[in-house]
């Protein structure tokens, strides 16, 4: 138990997210993919958008990958936001060469969406919170919101093992479609999916929890050593994924 505890403490303490990069878990974490291709949807929409915003851009990795797949002449004016302070300088360094401004925005902290009314043809939000009313107001007539979200009840196994309650149980497809409709948008697509994420063992799991500490706030290896030892002894560790996506248009 002592050797395992030391290994898990080291794994958890060295796990620090920079941007939105899980590559350190390559080969130790596998995850199912939803049946839709959110990136392809965003790429298609970007090609015809004169003005677009990427909410919660992380370190800019995803947006740069999208831009690499389209000619420069097809790009409109693009801005990005990021709500996690450590990621802001990372995203700004990454996106500045592409001429993309990164603005601070955290809807959970009460920040106002930093775009003028009817200023955007496209808003993209992958796993990022936002105010539906503000997004609706920022879209011009015919403007489109594309969002993929993590259902607030995802990974219930983590709470069974380590305690606590879901941080955002209100984040569901039904709630989001209701709120977007109430904000004046027309729902074109609303779809949800359940899959599985598999860790190679307890070390990969605690490293993941270090990267995304909001999944189990206050997690401490020593508080949960008996459970972690049982999980590690069982081999691979499976956790339920839940995703949904919405496409909404301003009439």
Protein backbone atom coordinates (compact mmCIF):
# COMPACT_ATOMS: atom_id res chain seq x y z
CA UNK A 1 0.00 0.00 0.00
CA UNK A 2 2.85 2.41 0.79
CA UNK A 3 4.43 2.04 -2.65
CA UNK A 4 1.06 2.54 -4.33
CA UNK A 5 0.33 5.59 -2.18
CA UNK A 6 3.67 7.20 -3.07
CA UNK A 7 3.11 6.53 -6.77
CA UNK A 8 -0.39 7.96 -6.71
CA UNK A 9 0.66 11.07 -4.76
CA UNK A 10 3.37 11.78 -7.33
CA UNK A 11 0.97 11.25 -10.22
CA UNK A 12 -1.62 13.58 -8.76
CA UNK A 13 0.83 16.32 -7.79
CA UNK A 14 2.52 16.47 -11.20
CA UNK A 15 -0.74 16.76 -13.13
CA UNK A 16 -1.22 20.38 -14.18
CA UNK A 17 -3.36 21.33 -17.15
CA UNK A 18 -1.85 23.69 -19.70
CA UNK A 19 -4.29 24.68 -22.40
CA UNK A 20 -6.58 21.71 -22.90
CA UNK A 21 -4.13 18.87 -23.41
CA UNK A 22 -4.54 15.30 -22.17
CA UNK A 23 -1.64 13.90 -24.21
CA UNK A 24 0.24 12.93 -21.04
CA UNK A 25 -2.40 10.21 -20.64
CA UNK A 26 -1.91 8.77 -24.14
CA UNK A 27 -1.98 5.00 -23.95
CA UNK A 28 -3.44 5.08 -20.44
CA UNK A 29 -6.82 6.68 -21.17
CA UNK A 30 -9.23 5.71 -23.91
CA UNK A 31 -12.62 7.24 -24.56
CA UNK A 32 -15.53 6.53 -26.86
CA UNK A 33 -16.54 9.21 -29.33
CA UNK A 34 -20.08 10.50 -29.88
CA UNK A 35 -21.70 9.50 -33.18
CA UNK A 36 -21.60 13.09 -34.44
CA UNK A 37 -18.51 15.05 -35.54
CA UNK A 38 -18.64 18.37 -33.72
CA UNK A 39 -15.36 19.55 -35.24
CA UNK A 40 -16.65 18.96 -38.77
CA UNK A 41 -19.81 20.90 -37.94
CA UNK A 42 -17.73 23.82 -36.64
CA UNK A 43 -15.43 23.75 -39.67
CA UNK A 44 -18.36 23.85 -42.07
CA UNK A 45 -19.94 26.76 -40.19
CA UNK A 46 -16.64 28.69 -39.98
CA UNK A 47 -16.23 28.59 -43.75
CA UNK A 48 -19.32 30.74 -44.24
CA UNK A 49 -19.16 32.92 -41.12
CA UNK A 50 -18.03 36.52 -41.52
CA UNK A 51 -17.69 36.92 -37.74
CA UNK A 52 -17.23 34.07 -35.26
CA UNK A 53 -16.36 33.48 -31.61
CA UNK A 54 -14.91 30.39 -29.96
CA UNK A 55 -16.01 30.33 -26.31
CA UNK A 56 -13.73 28.51 -23.87
CA UNK A 57 -10.86 28.13 -26.33
CA UNK A 58 -8.56 26.50 -23.74
CA UNK A 59 -5.05 26.99 -25.05
CA UNK A 60 -6.31 27.63 -28.57
CA UNK A 61 -5.41 24.11 -29.72
CA UNK A 62 -8.80 23.20 -31.11
CA UNK A 63 -9.35 26.50 -32.91
CA UNK A 64 -5.91 26.35 -34.53
CA UNK A 65 -6.62 22.80 -35.70
CA UNK A 66 -9.84 24.00 -37.34
CA UNK A 67 -8.10 26.95 -39.02
CA UNK A 68 -5.38 24.65 -40.36
CA UNK A 69 -8.08 22.85 -42.34
CA UNK A 70 -9.35 25.93 -44.19
CA UNK A 71 -7.70 28.41 -46.57
CA UNK A 72 -6.80 31.82 -45.20
CA UNK A 73 -9.12 33.49 -47.71
CA UNK A 74 -12.11 31.59 -46.31
CA UNK A 75 -11.65 32.98 -42.81
CA UNK A 76 -13.81 35.74 -41.45
CA UNK A 77 -13.08 37.74 -38.34
CA UNK A 78 -12.60 35.34 -35.42
CA UNK A 79 -12.31 36.04 -31.69
CA UNK A 80 -12.00 33.69 -28.73
CA UNK A 81 -12.74 33.71 -25.02
CA UNK A 82 -11.28 31.79 -22.08
CA UNK A 83 -12.54 31.65 -18.52
CA UNK A 84 -9.68 29.89 -16.72
CA UNK A 85 -7.02 32.47 -15.88
CA UNK A 86 -3.95 30.19 -16.31
CA UNK A 87 -5.04 29.45 -19.88
CA UNK A 88 -5.39 33.07 -20.98
CA UNK A 89 -1.67 33.73 -21.66
CA UNK A 90 -1.33 30.30 -23.26
CA UNK A 91 -4.20 30.95 -25.65
CA UNK A 92 -3.05 34.48 -26.42
CA UNK A 93 0.44 33.31 -27.34
CA UNK A 94 -0.94 30.53 -29.51
CA UNK A 95 -3.61 32.55 -31.33
CA UNK A 96 -1.88 35.93 -31.73
CA UNK A 97 0.01 34.82 -34.89
CA UNK A 98 -3.38 34.00 -36.44
CA UNK A 99 -4.66 37.48 -35.59
CA UNK A 100 -7.18 36.17 -33.05
CA UNK A 101 -7.86 38.15 -29.90
CA UNK A 102 -8.55 36.15 -26.73
CA UNK A 103 -10.88 37.85 -24.26
CA UNK A 104 -11.53 36.83 -20.63
CA UNK A 105 -15.02 35.43 -20.12
CA UNK A 106 -16.36 33.22 -17.33
CA UNK A 107 -20.15 33.07 -17.27
CA UNK A 108 -20.13 31.23 -13.94
CA UNK A 109 -18.33 34.20 -12.38
CA UNK A 110 -20.97 36.56 -13.75
CA UNK A 111 -18.87 37.98 -16.59
CA UNK A 112 -20.75 39.60 -19.45
CA UNK A 113 -20.20 38.11 -22.90
CA UNK A 114 -17.74 40.57 -24.52
CA UNK A 115 -19.48 40.96 -27.88
CA UNK A 116 -21.87 43.62 -29.12
CA UNK A 117 -25.51 42.80 -29.95
CA UNK A 118 -25.97 41.13 -33.35
CA UNK A 119 -22.19 41.12 -33.90
CA UNK A 120 -21.65 37.42 -34.64
CA UNK A 121 -22.61 35.00 -37.39
CA UNK A 122 -21.33 32.03 -35.39
CA UNK A 123 -20.74 31.12 -31.75
CA UNK A 124 -18.94 27.87 -30.95
CA UNK A 125 -18.88 26.53 -27.40
CA UNK A 126 -17.29 23.16 -26.74
CA UNK A 127 -17.60 22.16 -23.09
CA UNK A 128 -17.91 25.81 -22.05
CA UNK A 129 -20.64 27.47 -20.00
CA UNK A 130 -22.40 30.54 -21.35
CA UNK A 131 -25.45 32.72 -20.77
CA UNK A 132 -28.10 31.71 -23.35
CA UNK A 133 -29.66 35.17 -23.40
CA UNK A 134 -26.30 36.87 -24.03
CA UNK A 135 -25.38 34.42 -26.76
CA UNK A 136 -28.75 34.94 -28.45
CA UNK A 137 -28.28 38.70 -28.31
CA UNK A 138 -24.76 38.48 -29.76
CA UNK A 139 -25.98 36.59 -32.84
CA UNK A 140 -27.15 38.46 -35.89
CA UNK A 141 -30.37 37.29 -37.63
CA UNK A 142 -29.57 33.92 -39.17
CA UNK A 143 -26.59 33.54 -36.82
CA UNK A 144 -25.86 30.13 -35.41
CA UNK A 145 -24.79 28.59 -32.10
CA UNK A 146 -22.96 25.27 -32.15
CA UNK A 147 -22.35 23.75 -28.73
CA UNK A 148 -21.24 20.40 -27.37
CA UNK A 149 -21.52 19.99 -23.60
CA UNK A 150 -20.64 17.53 -20.87
CA UNK A 151 -23.84 16.47 -19.13
CA UNK A 152 -23.72 17.60 -15.51
CA UNK A 153 -24.35 14.06 -14.24
CA UNK A 154 -21.42 12.52 -16.14
CA UNK A 155 -18.98 10.21 -14.35
CA UNK A 156 -21.31 9.31 -11.50
CA UNK A 157 -18.86 6.56 -10.60
CA UNK A 158 -16.37 9.16 -9.35
CA UNK A 159 -18.87 10.42 -6.78
CA UNK A 160 -19.75 6.87 -5.78
CA UNK A 161 -16.08 6.16 -5.12
CA UNK A 162 -14.90 9.48 -3.70
CA UNK A 163 -18.05 11.22 -2.46
CA UNK A 164 -19.48 14.62 -3.27
CA UNK A 165 -22.31 15.81 -5.49
CA UNK A 166 -22.42 16.83 -9.15
CA UNK A 167 -21.18 20.40 -9.51
CA UNK A 168 -23.62 21.28 -12.28
CA UNK A 169 -26.53 18.81 -12.40
CA UNK A 170 -28.54 21.46 -14.25
CA UNK A 171 -26.41 21.06 -17.39
CA UNK A 172 -28.65 18.79 -19.46
CA UNK A 173 -29.97 18.75 -23.00
CA UNK A 174 -33.53 19.46 -21.85
CA UNK A 175 -32.49 22.46 -19.76
CA UNK A 176 -30.29 23.92 -22.47
CA UNK A 177 -32.86 23.59 -25.25
CA UNK A 178 -35.48 25.15 -22.96
CA UNK A 179 -33.22 28.10 -22.07
CA UNK A 180 -32.09 28.72 -25.65
CA UNK A 181 -35.66 28.61 -26.90
CA UNK A 182 -36.73 31.03 -24.17
CA UNK A 183 -33.88 33.33 -25.29
CA UNK A 184 -35.42 33.47 -28.76
CA UNK A 185 -33.37 30.89 -30.66
CA UNK A 186 -34.75 28.11 -32.84
CA UNK A 187 -33.37 24.65 -32.08
CA UNK A 188 -32.23 22.81 -35.20
CA UNK A 189 -30.38 19.91 -33.56
CA UNK A 190 -30.58 18.50 -30.03
CA UNK A 191 -28.92 15.16 -29.41
CA UNK A 192 -27.44 13.31 -26.42
CA UNK A 193 -25.12 10.33 -26.06
CA UNK A 194 -23.66 8.03 -23.42
CA UNK A 195 -20.31 6.26 -23.72
CA UNK A 196 -17.35 5.04 -21.68
CA UNK A 197 -13.96 6.39 -20.65
CA UNK A 198 -11.40 3.78 -19.51
CA UNK A 199 -8.28 4.36 -17.39
CA UNK A 200 -5.45 1.83 -17.37
CA UNK A 201 -5.29 1.92 -13.56
CA UNK A 202 -5.51 4.13 -10.49
CA UNK A 203 -2.39 6.12 -11.42
CA UNK A 204 -3.97 7.28 -14.69
CA UNK A 205 -7.21 8.07 -12.86
CA UNK A 206 -5.64 10.27 -10.18
CA UNK A 207 -3.52 12.04 -12.80
CA UNK A 208 -6.73 12.80 -14.71
CA UNK A 209 -8.33 14.15 -11.53
CA UNK A 210 -5.33 16.42 -11.12
CA UNK A 211 -5.84 17.75 -14.64
CA UNK A 212 -9.56 18.37 -14.13
CA UNK A 213 -9.88 19.08 -10.38
CA UNK A 214 -13.47 20.30 -10.76
CA UNK A 215 -14.61 16.71 -11.40
CA UNK A 216 -13.93 15.82 -7.73
CA UNK A 217 -13.30 19.09 -5.85
CA UNK A 218 -10.89 18.70 -2.97
CA UNK A 219 -9.75 15.23 -4.05
CA UNK A 220 -6.82 13.98 -1.99
CA UNK A 221 -5.06 10.66 -2.58
CA UNK A 222 -4.58 9.92 1.12
CA UNK A 223 -8.29 10.39 1.84
CA UNK A 224 -9.20 7.64 -0.63
CA UNK A 225 -6.32 5.16 -0.52
CA UNK A 226 -8.40 2.05 0.29
CA UNK A 227 -10.78 2.71 -2.61
CA UNK A 228 -7.92 3.55 -4.98
CA UNK A 229 -6.15 0.33 -4.01
CA UNK A 230 -9.30 -1.68 -4.77
CA UNK A 231 -9.73 0.06 -8.12
CA UNK A 232 -6.08 -0.48 -9.03
CA UNK A 233 -6.26 -4.17 -8.14
CA UNK A 234 -9.18 -4.60 -10.55
CA UNK A 235 -7.20 -3.52 -13.61
CA UNK A 236 -8.76 -1.02 -15.99
CA UNK A 237 -11.27 1.47 -14.56
CA UNK A 238 -14.38 2.46 -16.54
CA UNK A 239 -16.29 5.72 -16.07
CA UNK A 240 -19.48 6.81 -17.83
CA UNK A 241 -19.29 9.67 -20.31
CA UNK A 242 -22.34 11.81 -21.15
CA UNK A 243 -22.39 14.37 -23.94
CA UNK A 244 -24.99 16.39 -25.78
CA UNK A 245 -24.94 18.83 -28.64
CA UNK A 246 -27.22 21.63 -29.75
CA UNK A 247 -27.39 23.69 -32.91
CA UNK A 248 -29.56 26.77 -32.54
CA UNK A 249 -30.31 29.66 -34.91
CA UNK A 250 -31.46 33.21 -34.33
CA UNK A 251 -34.51 33.79 -36.58
